[in-house]
Each structure stands twice: as structure tokens, then as C-alpha cells.
């Protein structure tokens, strides 16, 4: 666990501990105020290309349920994590739900998604509410990446199951 940071396009910086995959990413920074449902949010194609801030103080305590019949009623919106990165105040290292098959930090590592924990998500969310969503980047170690705007990407193609060529319509 090392100290990493989230940098917003307005220059503000938030420090945290890297608990997912150790790699730098960028995207639009948005927040979600739900108390539960992190598996649904992380796998929701509408969050593709975004760095998701979860405002609930403790995230991950019920773990990640299995797929493909491993547990009933699996709460996934797609076959993979769609967000570019995750920001939380506190990330539970373990889990306690009977249908869980892995911890949230393990799922993030398995899918190659960086996560910053220990971030003041209240201050970050307040900034996003006042300024509106903005571009940001999670920087891990000395690795830097440019700001990336998901509005400039063809997210419909990436999130679609049919992958139609929309230019032909």
C-alpha cells in the first residue's frame, strides 16, 4: 500500500492509499451517493471511462458475489467493471456476506482497476457538486497520464452488445 493521489483538472489534489491495481488512469470524475449496490455501479456501462467516487463511508463489506450460478441473483450490469477507477473513504479488505466469492479489493485487482482509499470523499463530492463533474487522473507512483475526456470516445460502441456501425444509419 502506497500513497497515491487523485488530481482534478482544476489543480486540486486528494491523497489516498492504492488498494486496487497499481496503475495510473484518467477520466471524468463523478460520484454516487448510494449506500449499497457497488457491484451494480462498478459494472454499469453508463460509468464507462469515468472515475467513480462512492460517498458512503465504508465500501466493500459484503464482498462480491459469484457469477454464473455461483450465487443466486448476481447483481452485475455487465460482464466486467466499467469504471476507469474507484475512489472511496474506506475500503473493507474482507467481506461477510454468505454469497460473496471475493473481496472488493480482489475483484478490482482481478479486473485491473485502480482504487484510492482513505480519500476525503465528502470534500471531493462537495467540490464536484459546486464545480460540476470534471476530468481527473489517479496517479500511482511516478507514472503520469494525460487527462482523458470520455465525451470524446465512442462509448456507445464500447458499451453495446451489438456493436453496430452507427455511421451507416
N, C-alpha and C. Protein backbone atom coordinates (compact mmCIF):
# COMPACT_ATOMS: atom_id res chain seq x y z
N UNK A 1 0.84 -1.18 0.00
CA UNK A 1 0.00 0.00 0.00
C UNK A 1 0.88 1.24 0.00
N UNK A 2 0.73 2.06 -1.01
CA UNK A 2 1.50 3.29 -1.07
C UNK A 2 0.55 4.47 -1.17
N UNK A 3 1.08 5.66 -0.89
CA UNK A 3 0.28 6.88 -1.01
C UNK A 3 0.22 7.32 -2.46
N UNK A 4 -0.96 7.45 -2.98
CA UNK A 4 -1.17 7.87 -4.35
C UNK A 4 -2.10 9.07 -4.33
N UNK A 5 -2.47 9.59 -5.50
CA UNK A 5 -3.29 10.79 -5.50
C UNK A 5 -4.23 10.87 -6.68
N UNK A 6 -5.31 11.61 -6.45
CA UNK A 6 -6.26 11.98 -7.49
C UNK A 6 -6.03 13.46 -7.75
N UNK A 7 -5.82 13.81 -9.01
CA UNK A 7 -5.66 15.21 -9.39
C UNK A 7 -6.80 15.57 -10.32
N UNK A 8 -7.50 16.66 -9.97
CA UNK A 8 -8.60 17.15 -10.80
C UNK A 8 -8.07 18.21 -11.76
N UNK A 9 -8.83 18.43 -12.83
CA UNK A 9 -8.38 19.38 -13.85
C UNK A 9 -8.27 20.80 -13.33
N UNK A 10 -8.92 21.11 -12.19
CA UNK A 10 -8.78 22.45 -11.61
C UNK A 10 -7.54 22.57 -10.73
N UNK A 11 -6.74 21.49 -10.66
CA UNK A 11 -5.50 21.51 -9.90
C UNK A 11 -5.62 20.98 -8.48
N UNK A 12 -6.84 20.73 -8.00
CA UNK A 12 -6.98 20.21 -6.64
C UNK A 12 -6.50 18.77 -6.58
N UNK A 13 -6.02 18.38 -5.41
CA UNK A 13 -5.39 17.07 -5.23
C UNK A 13 -5.93 16.40 -3.98
N UNK A 14 -6.18 15.10 -4.09
CA UNK A 14 -6.67 14.30 -2.97
C UNK A 14 -5.77 13.08 -2.86
N UNK A 15 -5.23 12.83 -1.68
CA UNK A 15 -4.32 11.71 -1.47
C UNK A 15 -5.06 10.52 -0.89
N UNK A 16 -4.54 9.33 -1.21
CA UNK A 16 -5.13 8.11 -0.69
C UNK A 16 -4.17 6.95 -0.82
N UNK A 17 -4.63 5.78 -0.37
CA UNK A 17 -3.85 4.54 -0.45
C UNK A 17 -4.32 3.73 -1.64
N UNK A 18 -3.39 3.21 -2.39
CA UNK A 18 -3.73 2.39 -3.55
C UNK A 18 -4.10 0.99 -3.09
N UNK A 19 -5.34 0.57 -3.35
CA UNK A 19 -5.79 -0.75 -2.93
C UNK A 19 -6.30 -1.61 -4.07
N UNK A 20 -6.36 -1.08 -5.25
CA UNK A 20 -6.74 -1.87 -6.42
C UNK A 20 -5.47 -2.21 -7.17
N UNK A 21 -5.53 -2.16 -8.48
CA UNK A 21 -4.36 -2.36 -9.33
C UNK A 21 -3.50 -1.10 -9.28
N UNK A 22 -2.20 -1.27 -9.23
CA UNK A 22 -1.29 -0.13 -9.16
C UNK A 22 -0.97 0.36 -10.56
N UNK A 23 -1.85 1.22 -11.09
CA UNK A 23 -1.60 1.85 -12.38
C UNK A 23 -2.34 3.18 -12.43
N UNK A 24 -1.81 4.09 -13.21
CA UNK A 24 -2.42 5.41 -13.36
C UNK A 24 -3.49 5.37 -14.45
N UNK A 25 -4.59 6.09 -14.20
CA UNK A 25 -5.69 6.19 -15.16
C UNK A 25 -6.25 7.60 -15.13
N UNK A 26 -7.02 7.93 -16.16
CA UNK A 26 -7.70 9.22 -16.17
C UNK A 26 -9.12 9.04 -16.68
N UNK A 27 -9.94 10.05 -16.43
CA UNK A 27 -11.32 10.01 -16.87
C UNK A 27 -12.11 11.12 -16.21
N UNK A 28 -13.39 11.15 -16.48
CA UNK A 28 -14.28 12.11 -15.84
C UNK A 28 -14.57 11.64 -14.42
N UNK A 29 -14.47 12.52 -13.44
CA UNK A 29 -14.71 12.16 -12.04
C UNK A 29 -16.16 12.47 -11.70
N UNK A 30 -16.88 11.44 -11.27
CA UNK A 30 -18.29 11.57 -10.91
C UNK A 30 -18.51 10.87 -9.57
N UNK A 31 -19.66 11.13 -8.94
CA UNK A 31 -19.92 10.48 -7.66
C UNK A 31 -21.27 9.79 -7.64
N UNK A 32 -21.40 8.84 -6.69
CA UNK A 32 -22.62 8.09 -6.46
C UNK A 32 -22.86 8.08 -4.96
N UNK A 33 -24.08 8.41 -4.53
CA UNK A 33 -24.38 8.52 -3.11
C UNK A 33 -25.07 7.29 -2.53
N UNK A 34 -25.14 6.20 -3.27
CA UNK A 34 -25.82 5.00 -2.79
C UNK A 34 -25.14 4.37 -1.59
N UNK A 35 -25.94 3.76 -0.72
CA UNK A 35 -25.40 3.06 0.45
C UNK A 35 -24.96 1.64 0.10
N UNK A 36 -25.60 1.05 -0.87
CA UNK A 36 -25.29 -0.30 -1.32
C UNK A 36 -25.31 -0.30 -2.84
N UNK A 37 -24.92 -1.42 -3.44
CA UNK A 37 -25.01 -1.53 -4.88
C UNK A 37 -23.73 -1.19 -5.61
N UNK A 38 -22.60 -1.33 -4.93
CA UNK A 38 -21.34 -1.00 -5.61
C UNK A 38 -21.04 -1.96 -6.75
N UNK A 39 -21.47 -3.21 -6.68
CA UNK A 39 -21.22 -4.13 -7.80
C UNK A 39 -22.01 -3.69 -9.04
N UNK A 40 -23.25 -3.23 -8.82
CA UNK A 40 -24.05 -2.72 -9.93
C UNK A 40 -23.43 -1.47 -10.52
N UNK A 41 -23.02 -0.54 -9.66
CA UNK A 41 -22.42 0.72 -10.14
C UNK A 41 -21.13 0.47 -10.89
N UNK A 42 -20.24 -0.35 -10.35
CA UNK A 42 -18.95 -0.59 -10.99
C UNK A 42 -19.09 -1.28 -12.33
N UNK A 43 -20.11 -2.12 -12.49
CA UNK A 43 -20.29 -2.86 -13.74
C UNK A 43 -21.30 -2.19 -14.69
N UNK A 44 -21.76 -1.01 -14.35
CA UNK A 44 -22.74 -0.29 -15.17
C UNK A 44 -22.04 0.41 -16.34
N UNK A 45 -22.40 0.07 -17.59
CA UNK A 45 -21.77 0.71 -18.75
C UNK A 45 -21.93 2.22 -18.80
N UNK A 46 -22.90 2.78 -18.08
CA UNK A 46 -23.06 4.24 -18.09
C UNK A 46 -21.90 4.94 -17.38
N UNK A 47 -21.11 4.21 -16.59
CA UNK A 47 -19.94 4.77 -15.92
C UNK A 47 -18.64 4.51 -16.70
N UNK A 48 -18.74 3.98 -17.90
CA UNK A 48 -17.55 3.67 -18.68
C UNK A 48 -16.70 4.93 -18.90
N UNK A 49 -15.39 4.80 -18.67
CA UNK A 49 -14.47 5.91 -18.86
C UNK A 49 -14.46 6.91 -17.72
N UNK A 50 -15.16 6.62 -16.65
CA UNK A 50 -15.25 7.55 -15.53
C UNK A 50 -14.54 7.02 -14.30
N UNK A 51 -14.09 7.94 -13.47
CA UNK A 51 -13.55 7.62 -12.16
C UNK A 51 -14.69 7.84 -11.18
N UNK A 52 -15.12 6.79 -10.53
CA UNK A 52 -16.31 6.83 -9.68
C UNK A 52 -15.92 7.05 -8.22
N UNK A 53 -16.54 8.05 -7.60
CA UNK A 53 -16.38 8.33 -6.18
C UNK A 53 -17.62 7.80 -5.48
N UNK A 54 -17.44 6.88 -4.54
CA UNK A 54 -18.56 6.37 -3.75
C UNK A 54 -18.54 7.12 -2.42
N UNK A 55 -19.66 7.76 -2.08
CA UNK A 55 -19.68 8.65 -0.92
C UNK A 55 -19.96 7.93 0.40
N UNK A 56 -20.51 6.72 0.36
CA UNK A 56 -20.79 6.03 1.61
C UNK A 56 -19.46 5.75 2.33
N UNK A 57 -19.40 5.95 3.65
CA UNK A 57 -18.10 5.88 4.36
C UNK A 57 -17.36 4.54 4.29
N UNK A 58 -18.07 3.41 4.24
CA UNK A 58 -17.42 2.10 4.18
C UNK A 58 -17.96 1.34 2.98
N UNK A 59 -17.08 0.93 2.10
CA UNK A 59 -17.48 0.24 0.87
C UNK A 59 -16.80 -1.13 0.83
N UNK A 60 -17.54 -2.14 0.43
CA UNK A 60 -16.96 -3.46 0.21
C UNK A 60 -17.20 -4.48 1.28
N UNK A 61 -17.91 -4.14 2.35
CA UNK A 61 -18.05 -5.07 3.47
C UNK A 61 -18.86 -6.32 3.15
N UNK A 62 -19.72 -6.29 2.12
CA UNK A 62 -20.46 -7.52 1.78
C UNK A 62 -19.82 -8.27 0.63
N UNK A 63 -18.67 -7.80 0.13
CA UNK A 63 -17.92 -8.53 -0.88
C UNK A 63 -18.53 -8.49 -2.26
N UNK A 64 -18.09 -9.42 -3.09
CA UNK A 64 -18.55 -9.52 -4.47
C UNK A 64 -19.12 -10.92 -4.68
N UNK A 65 -20.40 -11.01 -5.06
CA UNK A 65 -20.99 -12.33 -5.26
C UNK A 65 -20.41 -13.03 -6.48
N UNK A 66 -20.61 -14.33 -6.53
CA UNK A 66 -20.13 -15.11 -7.66
C UNK A 66 -20.98 -14.89 -8.90
N UNK A 67 -20.46 -15.35 -10.01
CA UNK A 67 -21.17 -15.26 -11.29
C UNK A 67 -21.54 -16.66 -11.77
N UNK A 68 -22.34 -16.72 -12.80
CA UNK A 68 -22.66 -17.97 -13.48
C UNK A 68 -23.16 -19.05 -12.54
N UNK A 69 -24.16 -18.70 -11.74
CA UNK A 69 -24.77 -19.71 -10.89
C UNK A 69 -24.05 -19.96 -9.58
N UNK A 70 -22.92 -19.27 -9.33
CA UNK A 70 -22.21 -19.47 -8.06
C UNK A 70 -23.06 -18.97 -6.89
N UNK A 71 -23.89 -17.96 -7.13
CA UNK A 71 -24.84 -17.49 -6.13
C UNK A 71 -26.07 -16.96 -6.86
N UNK A 72 -27.19 -16.98 -6.18
CA UNK A 72 -28.43 -16.56 -6.81
C UNK A 72 -28.54 -15.04 -6.87
N UNK A 73 -29.11 -14.52 -7.96
CA UNK A 73 -29.38 -13.10 -8.07
C UNK A 73 -28.15 -12.23 -8.15
N UNK A 74 -27.18 -12.60 -8.96
CA UNK A 74 -25.95 -11.81 -9.04
C UNK A 74 -26.22 -10.41 -9.57
N UNK A 75 -25.74 -9.40 -8.84
CA UNK A 75 -26.03 -8.01 -9.18
C UNK A 75 -24.96 -7.36 -10.07
N UNK A 76 -24.91 -7.75 -11.32
CA UNK A 76 -23.96 -7.17 -12.25
C UNK A 76 -24.73 -6.59 -13.43
N UNK A 77 -24.30 -5.43 -13.89
CA UNK A 77 -24.94 -4.78 -15.03
C UNK A 77 -24.28 -5.18 -16.34
N UNK A 78 -23.07 -5.71 -16.28
CA UNK A 78 -22.36 -6.16 -17.47
C UNK A 78 -21.34 -7.20 -17.05
N UNK A 79 -20.58 -7.69 -17.99
CA UNK A 79 -19.63 -8.78 -17.72
C UNK A 79 -18.32 -8.33 -17.09
N UNK A 80 -18.11 -7.02 -16.93
CA UNK A 80 -16.84 -6.54 -16.38
C UNK A 80 -17.05 -5.22 -15.65
N UNK A 81 -16.04 -4.80 -14.92
CA UNK A 81 -16.07 -3.48 -14.31
C UNK A 81 -15.91 -2.46 -15.43
N UNK A 82 -16.76 -1.46 -15.43
CA UNK A 82 -16.77 -0.45 -16.49
C UNK A 82 -16.03 0.83 -16.14
N UNK A 83 -15.92 1.15 -14.85
CA UNK A 83 -15.26 2.39 -14.45
C UNK A 83 -13.77 2.31 -14.73
N UNK A 84 -13.15 3.48 -14.89
CA UNK A 84 -11.70 3.54 -15.07
C UNK A 84 -10.98 3.43 -13.73
N UNK A 85 -11.61 3.94 -12.68
CA UNK A 85 -11.02 3.92 -11.35
C UNK A 85 -12.08 4.14 -10.29
N UNK A 86 -11.72 3.86 -9.04
CA UNK A 86 -12.65 3.97 -7.92
C UNK A 86 -11.99 4.77 -6.81
N UNK A 87 -12.78 5.67 -6.19
CA UNK A 87 -12.33 6.48 -5.06
C UNK A 87 -13.29 6.23 -3.90
N UNK A 88 -12.75 5.86 -2.73
CA UNK A 88 -13.58 5.61 -1.55
C UNK A 88 -12.92 6.21 -0.31
N UNK A 89 -13.74 6.36 0.72
CA UNK A 89 -13.21 6.80 2.01
C UNK A 89 -12.55 5.61 2.71
N UNK A 90 -13.29 4.52 2.83
CA UNK A 90 -12.76 3.32 3.49
C UNK A 90 -13.16 2.10 2.68
N UNK A 91 -12.20 1.26 2.34
CA UNK A 91 -12.45 0.04 1.57
C UNK A 91 -12.23 -1.16 2.47
N UNK A 92 -13.28 -1.96 2.66
CA UNK A 92 -13.18 -3.14 3.52
C UNK A 92 -12.27 -4.17 2.86
N UNK A 93 -11.26 -4.65 3.58
CA UNK A 93 -10.35 -5.64 3.00
C UNK A 93 -10.96 -7.04 2.90
N UNK A 94 -11.93 -7.32 3.74
CA UNK A 94 -12.60 -8.62 3.74
C UNK A 94 -14.07 -8.45 3.46
N UNK A 95 -14.83 -9.53 3.63
CA UNK A 95 -16.27 -9.46 3.40
C UNK A 95 -16.97 -10.42 4.33
N UNK A 96 -18.29 -10.21 4.49
CA UNK A 96 -19.03 -11.02 5.45
C UNK A 96 -20.33 -11.60 4.92
N UNK A 97 -20.64 -11.44 3.65
CA UNK A 97 -21.90 -11.96 3.12
C UNK A 97 -21.74 -13.41 2.67
N UNK A 98 -22.73 -14.21 2.92
CA UNK A 98 -22.64 -15.65 2.62
C UNK A 98 -22.55 -15.96 1.13
N UNK A 99 -23.03 -15.06 0.26
CA UNK A 99 -22.96 -15.33 -1.18
C UNK A 99 -21.71 -14.76 -1.83
N UNK A 100 -20.89 -14.06 -1.05
CA UNK A 100 -19.69 -13.45 -1.63
C UNK A 100 -18.64 -14.51 -1.97
N UNK A 101 -17.97 -14.28 -3.09
CA UNK A 101 -16.91 -15.19 -3.52
C UNK A 101 -15.53 -14.53 -3.50
N UNK A 102 -15.51 -13.19 -3.38
CA UNK A 102 -14.24 -12.49 -3.26
C UNK A 102 -14.46 -11.13 -2.60
N UNK A 103 -13.38 -10.51 -2.21
CA UNK A 103 -13.46 -9.17 -1.64
C UNK A 103 -13.49 -8.15 -2.77
N UNK A 104 -13.94 -6.95 -2.47
CA UNK A 104 -13.95 -5.89 -3.47
C UNK A 104 -12.54 -5.55 -3.91
N UNK A 105 -11.54 -5.41 -3.00
CA UNK A 105 -10.17 -5.14 -3.47
C UNK A 105 -9.64 -6.23 -4.42
N UNK A 106 -9.99 -7.49 -4.16
CA UNK A 106 -9.53 -8.57 -5.04
C UNK A 106 -10.19 -8.48 -6.41
N UNK A 107 -11.48 -8.17 -6.44
CA UNK A 107 -12.19 -8.02 -7.72
C UNK A 107 -11.57 -6.89 -8.53
N UNK A 108 -11.27 -5.77 -7.88
CA UNK A 108 -10.62 -4.65 -8.56
C UNK A 108 -9.27 -5.06 -9.14
N UNK A 109 -8.48 -5.78 -8.36
CA UNK A 109 -7.17 -6.26 -8.86
C UNK A 109 -7.35 -7.23 -10.02
N UNK A 110 -8.30 -8.16 -9.89
CA UNK A 110 -8.56 -9.13 -10.96
C UNK A 110 -8.94 -8.44 -12.27
N UNK A 111 -9.65 -7.31 -12.17
CA UNK A 111 -10.13 -6.60 -13.37
C UNK A 111 -9.18 -5.47 -13.79
N UNK A 112 -8.09 -5.25 -13.03
CA UNK A 112 -7.12 -4.23 -13.41
C UNK A 112 -7.56 -2.80 -13.15
N UNK A 113 -8.38 -2.60 -12.13
CA UNK A 113 -8.94 -1.29 -11.83
C UNK A 113 -8.25 -0.69 -10.59
N UNK A 114 -7.71 0.53 -10.72
CA UNK A 114 -7.11 1.18 -9.56
C UNK A 114 -8.17 1.73 -8.60
N UNK A 115 -7.83 1.76 -7.33
CA UNK A 115 -8.72 2.29 -6.30
C UNK A 115 -7.90 3.09 -5.31
N UNK A 116 -8.38 4.27 -4.97
CA UNK A 116 -7.78 5.05 -3.89
C UNK A 116 -8.72 5.01 -2.71
N UNK A 117 -8.20 4.59 -1.56
CA UNK A 117 -8.96 4.57 -0.32
C UNK A 117 -8.33 5.56 0.66
N UNK A 118 -9.10 5.98 1.63
CA UNK A 118 -8.61 6.95 2.60
C UNK A 118 -8.74 8.38 2.09
N UNK A 119 -9.52 8.58 1.05
CA UNK A 119 -9.73 9.90 0.46
C UNK A 119 -10.88 10.58 1.21
N UNK A 120 -10.78 11.88 1.40
CA UNK A 120 -11.87 12.65 1.99
C UNK A 120 -12.96 12.81 0.92
N UNK A 121 -13.82 11.81 0.82
CA UNK A 121 -14.84 11.80 -0.24
C UNK A 121 -15.90 12.88 -0.01
N UNK A 122 -16.07 13.32 1.23
CA UNK A 122 -17.02 14.42 1.49
C UNK A 122 -16.52 15.71 0.84
N UNK A 123 -15.24 16.02 1.03
CA UNK A 123 -14.67 17.23 0.43
C UNK A 123 -14.65 17.12 -1.09
N UNK A 124 -14.31 15.95 -1.59
CA UNK A 124 -14.27 15.73 -3.04
C UNK A 124 -15.66 15.88 -3.65
N UNK A 125 -16.66 15.27 -3.04
CA UNK A 125 -18.03 15.36 -3.53
C UNK A 125 -18.54 16.80 -3.47
N UNK A 126 -18.19 17.50 -2.40
CA UNK A 126 -18.60 18.90 -2.29
C UNK A 126 -18.01 19.72 -3.45
N UNK A 127 -16.75 19.47 -3.77
CA UNK A 127 -16.11 20.18 -4.90
C UNK A 127 -16.82 19.84 -6.21
N UNK A 128 -17.13 18.56 -6.42
CA UNK A 128 -17.80 18.15 -7.65
C UNK A 128 -19.22 18.73 -7.74
N UNK A 129 -19.90 18.84 -6.61
CA UNK A 129 -21.24 19.43 -6.61
C UNK A 129 -21.18 20.91 -6.96
N UNK A 130 -20.18 21.59 -6.44
CA UNK A 130 -20.05 23.03 -6.69
C UNK A 130 -19.55 23.32 -8.10
N UNK A 131 -18.58 22.55 -8.58
CA UNK A 131 -17.95 22.81 -9.87
C UNK A 131 -18.56 22.01 -11.02
N UNK A 132 -19.26 20.93 -10.69
CA UNK A 132 -19.75 20.00 -11.71
C UNK A 132 -18.70 18.93 -11.94
N UNK A 133 -19.09 17.85 -12.59
CA UNK A 133 -18.11 16.80 -12.83
C UNK A 133 -16.95 17.38 -13.63
N UNK A 134 -15.77 16.87 -13.38
CA UNK A 134 -14.60 17.37 -14.09
C UNK A 134 -13.63 16.23 -14.35
N UNK A 135 -12.70 16.48 -15.23
CA UNK A 135 -11.71 15.47 -15.57
C UNK A 135 -10.74 15.31 -14.40
N UNK A 136 -10.22 14.10 -14.27
CA UNK A 136 -9.27 13.82 -13.21
C UNK A 136 -8.38 12.66 -13.61
N UNK A 137 -7.37 12.43 -12.78
CA UNK A 137 -6.50 11.27 -13.00
C UNK A 137 -6.00 10.75 -11.68
N UNK A 138 -5.98 9.43 -11.59
CA UNK A 138 -5.38 8.75 -10.45
C UNK A 138 -3.93 8.49 -10.82
N UNK A 139 -3.03 9.02 -10.03
CA UNK A 139 -1.61 8.84 -10.31
C UNK A 139 -1.00 7.88 -9.29
N UNK A 140 -0.36 6.85 -9.80
CA UNK A 140 0.27 5.83 -8.98
C UNK A 140 1.77 5.92 -9.19
N UNK A 141 2.49 6.14 -8.11
CA UNK A 141 3.94 6.27 -8.21
C UNK A 141 4.33 7.45 -9.07
N UNK A 142 5.34 7.27 -9.90
CA UNK A 142 5.81 8.34 -10.78
C UNK A 142 5.15 8.30 -12.15
N UNK A 143 4.27 7.32 -12.36
CA UNK A 143 3.57 7.17 -13.63
C UNK A 143 2.54 8.28 -13.79
N UNK A 144 2.62 9.05 -14.87
CA UNK A 144 1.66 10.12 -15.15
C UNK A 144 0.92 9.79 -16.44
N UNK A 145 -0.32 10.22 -16.51
CA UNK A 145 -1.13 10.05 -17.71
C UNK A 145 -1.80 11.38 -18.02
N UNK A 146 -2.11 11.65 -19.28
CA UNK A 146 -2.82 12.90 -19.60
C UNK A 146 -4.29 12.79 -19.17
N UNK A 147 -4.93 13.94 -19.01
CA UNK A 147 -6.37 13.93 -18.75
C UNK A 147 -7.07 13.33 -19.97
N UNK A 148 -8.09 12.52 -19.72
CA UNK A 148 -8.83 11.87 -20.79
C UNK A 148 -10.30 12.21 -20.64
N UNK A 149 -10.90 12.69 -21.72
CA UNK A 149 -12.30 13.08 -21.70
C UNK A 149 -13.14 11.98 -22.35
N UNK A 150 -13.95 11.25 -21.55
CA UNK A 150 -14.77 10.18 -22.13
C UNK A 150 -15.81 10.69 -23.13
N UNK A 151 -16.12 11.99 -23.10
CA UNK A 151 -17.06 12.55 -24.08
C UNK A 151 -16.49 12.51 -25.49
N UNK A 152 -15.20 12.35 -25.61
CA UNK A 152 -14.56 12.29 -26.93
C UNK A 152 -14.42 10.85 -27.44
N UNK A 153 -14.91 9.88 -26.65
CA UNK A 153 -14.83 8.47 -27.03
C UNK A 153 -16.18 7.98 -27.51
N UNK A 154 -16.19 6.93 -28.30
CA UNK A 154 -17.43 6.31 -28.75
C UNK A 154 -17.85 5.27 -27.70
N UNK A 155 -18.46 5.75 -26.62
CA UNK A 155 -18.85 4.87 -25.52
C UNK A 155 -20.04 3.99 -25.88
N UNK A 156 -20.85 4.41 -26.83
CA UNK A 156 -21.98 3.58 -27.26
C UNK A 156 -21.44 2.28 -27.85
N UNK A 157 -20.42 2.38 -28.68
CA UNK A 157 -19.84 1.18 -29.29
C UNK A 157 -19.26 0.27 -28.21
N UNK A 158 -18.51 0.84 -27.29
CA UNK A 158 -17.87 0.03 -26.25
C UNK A 158 -18.86 -0.60 -25.29
N UNK A 159 -20.01 0.05 -25.06
CA UNK A 159 -21.00 -0.48 -24.13
C UNK A 159 -22.10 -1.28 -24.79
N UNK A 160 -22.09 -1.35 -26.10
CA UNK A 160 -23.14 -2.04 -26.83
C UNK A 160 -22.82 -3.52 -26.98
N UNK A 161 -23.86 -4.32 -26.97
CA UNK A 161 -23.67 -5.75 -27.21
C UNK A 161 -23.70 -6.09 -28.69
N UNK A 162 -24.26 -5.19 -29.49
CA UNK A 162 -24.38 -5.48 -30.91
C UNK A 162 -23.24 -4.89 -31.73
N UNK A 163 -22.61 -3.83 -31.25
CA UNK A 163 -21.51 -3.17 -31.95
C UNK A 163 -21.87 -2.80 -33.39
N UNK A 164 -23.04 -2.20 -33.55
CA UNK A 164 -23.46 -1.75 -34.86
C UNK A 164 -22.60 -0.58 -35.33
N UNK A 165 -22.40 -0.47 -36.60
CA UNK A 165 -21.70 0.67 -37.16
C UNK A 165 -22.72 1.80 -37.30
N UNK A 166 -22.72 2.72 -36.34
CA UNK A 166 -23.71 3.78 -36.30
C UNK A 166 -23.52 4.81 -37.40
N UNK A 167 -22.37 4.84 -38.04
CA UNK A 167 -22.14 5.79 -39.12
C UNK A 167 -22.93 5.41 -40.37
N UNK A 168 -23.41 4.18 -40.44
CA UNK A 168 -24.14 3.71 -41.62
C UNK A 168 -25.64 3.96 -41.48
N UNK A 169 -26.09 4.43 -40.33
CA UNK A 169 -27.54 4.68 -40.13
C UNK A 169 -27.96 6.00 -40.68
